[in-house]
Amino acid sequence: MIKHPNWDFTTEVVIAALNEEDGVGLTIDEISESLSLCHILVIDGHSYDKTTEIAKDHGAEIIFQDG
């Protein structure tokens, strides 16, 4: 992990997701509760459901997969 001076987290968690609206929120919540000072990044494969909206609502940063 590259440490940026403005980042306050100590752990970066990367989650790959595609149409995971039923589980992504719970997964993010469980990770957040288990790890202090973590940054959660969801890499979305262009989901057709509400995966990205739910992930954002639970505090994750979203980026989209190329290709």
C-alpha atoms as a PDB file:
ATOM      1  CA  MET A   1       0.000   0.000   0.000  1.00  0.00           C
ATOM      2  CA  ILE A   2       1.286   3.442  -0.877  1.00  0.00           C
ATOM      3  CA  LYS A   3       0.945   5.774   2.096  1.00  0.00           C
ATOM      4  CA  HIS A   4      -0.381   9.194   1.197  1.00  0.00           C
ATOM      5  CA  PRO A   5       0.177  11.913   3.822  1.00  0.00           C
ATOM      6  CA  ASN A   6      -3.537  12.818   3.935  1.00  0.00           C
ATOM      7  CA  TRP A   7      -4.788   9.247   4.437  1.00  0.00           C
ATOM      8  CA  ASP A   8      -5.685   8.304   7.989  1.00  0.00           C
ATOM      9  CA  PHE A   9      -6.149   4.575   7.436  1.00  0.00           C
ATOM     10  CA  THR A  10      -3.697   1.771   8.057  1.00  0.00           C
ATOM     11  CA  THR A  11      -5.335  -0.986   5.991  1.00  0.00           C
ATOM     12  CA  GLU A  12      -6.733  -0.966   2.471  1.00  0.00           C
ATOM     13  CA  VAL A  13      -9.382  -3.551   1.607  1.00  0.00           C
ATOM     14  CA  VAL A  14     -10.152  -4.189  -2.062  1.00  0.00           C
ATOM     15  CA  ILE A  15     -13.437  -5.853  -2.994  1.00  0.00           C
ATOM     16  CA  ALA A  16     -14.194  -6.972  -6.547  1.00  0.00           C
ATOM     17  CA  ALA A  17     -17.933  -6.861  -7.226  1.00  0.00           C
ATOM     18  CA  LEU A  18     -20.455  -7.545  -9.970  1.00  0.00           C
ATOM     19  CA  ASN A  19     -24.165  -7.407  -9.172  1.00  0.00           C
ATOM     20  CA  GLU A  20     -23.654  -7.931  -5.442  1.00  0.00           C
ATOM     21  CA  GLU A  21     -26.409  -5.689  -4.055  1.00  0.00           C
ATOM     22  CA  ASP A  22     -27.620  -8.406  -1.686  1.00  0.00           C
ATOM     23  CA  GLY A  23     -24.318  -8.780   0.134  1.00  0.00           C
ATOM     24  CA  VAL A  24     -22.004  -5.837  -0.454  1.00  0.00           C
ATOM     25  CA  GLY A  25     -23.421  -3.633   2.316  1.00  0.00           C
ATOM     26  CA  LEU A  26     -23.148  -6.335   4.958  1.00  0.00           C
ATOM     27  CA  THR A  27     -19.643  -7.205   3.796  1.00  0.00           C
ATOM     28  CA  ILE A  28     -18.495  -3.597   4.049  1.00  0.00           C
ATOM     29  CA  ASP A  29     -20.109  -3.203   7.476  1.00  0.00           C
ATOM     30  CA  GLU A  30     -18.430  -6.353   8.809  1.00  0.00           C
ATOM     31  CA  ILE A  31     -15.039  -5.278   7.494  1.00  0.00           C
ATOM     32  CA  SER A  32     -15.439  -1.800   8.976  1.00  0.00           C
ATOM     33  CA  GLU A  33     -16.357  -3.255  12.360  1.00  0.00           C
ATOM     34  CA  SER A  34     -13.450  -5.715  12.323  1.00  0.00           C
ATOM     35  CA  LEU A  35     -10.681  -3.411  11.118  1.00  0.00           C
ATOM     36  CA  SER A  36     -10.008  -0.018  12.578  1.00  0.00           C
ATOM     37  CA  LEU A  37      -8.793   2.744  10.327  1.00  0.00           C
ATOM     38  CA  CYS A  38      -9.398   0.939   7.039  1.00  0.00           C
ATOM     39  CA  HIS A  39     -10.153   2.204   3.572  1.00  0.00           C
ATOM     40  CA  ILE A  40     -12.524   0.058   1.528  1.00  0.00           C
ATOM     41  CA  LEU A  41     -12.272   0.173  -2.241  1.00  0.00           C
ATOM     42  CA  VAL A  42     -14.893  -1.583  -4.353  1.00  0.00           C
ATOM     43  CA  ILE A  43     -13.878  -2.343  -7.917  1.00  0.00           C
ATOM     44  CA  ASP A  44     -17.128  -2.751  -9.780  1.00  0.00           C
ATOM     45  CA  GLY A  45     -17.440  -4.677 -13.036  1.00  0.00           C
ATOM     46  CA  HIS A  46     -20.267  -2.396 -14.262  1.00  0.00           C
ATOM     47  CA  SER A  47     -23.048  -3.917 -12.178  1.00  0.00           C
ATOM     48  CA  TYR A  48     -26.623  -3.645 -13.430  1.00  0.00           C
ATOM     49  CA  ASP A  49     -28.082  -3.602  -9.918  1.00  0.00           C
ATOM     50  CA  LYS A  50     -27.551  -1.200  -7.004  1.00  0.00           C
ATOM     51  CA  THR A  51     -24.140  -2.549  -5.936  1.00  0.00           C
ATOM     52  CA  THR A  52     -22.322   0.763  -6.330  1.00  0.00           C
ATOM     53  CA  GLU A  53     -24.999   2.852  -4.617  1.00  0.00           C
ATOM     54  CA  ILE A  54     -25.121   0.487  -1.645  1.00  0.00           C
ATOM     55  CA  ALA A  55     -21.328   0.336  -1.398  1.00  0.00           C
ATOM     56  CA  LYS A  56     -21.111   4.140  -1.405  1.00  0.00           C
ATOM     57  CA  ASP A  57     -23.847   4.365   1.239  1.00  0.00           C
ATOM     58  CA  HIS A  58     -21.765   2.044   3.443  1.00  0.00           C
ATOM     59  CA  GLY A  59     -18.650   4.186   3.088  1.00  0.00           C
ATOM     60  CA  ALA A  60     -16.692   2.504   0.296  1.00  0.00           C
ATOM     61  CA  GLU A  61     -14.876   4.241  -2.504  1.00  0.00           C
ATOM     62  CA  ILE A  62     -15.933   2.960  -5.936  1.00  0.00           C
ATOM     63  CA  ILE A  63     -13.912   2.553  -9.105  1.00  0.00           C
ATOM     64  CA  PHE A  64     -14.972   0.776 -12.275  1.00  0.00           C
ATOM     65  CA  GLN A  65     -13.145  -2.063 -13.953  1.00  0.00           C
ATOM     66  CA  ASP A  66     -11.874  -1.425 -17.470  1.00  0.00           C
ATOM     67  CA  GLY A  67     -12.771  -3.981 -20.063  1.00  0.00           C
END
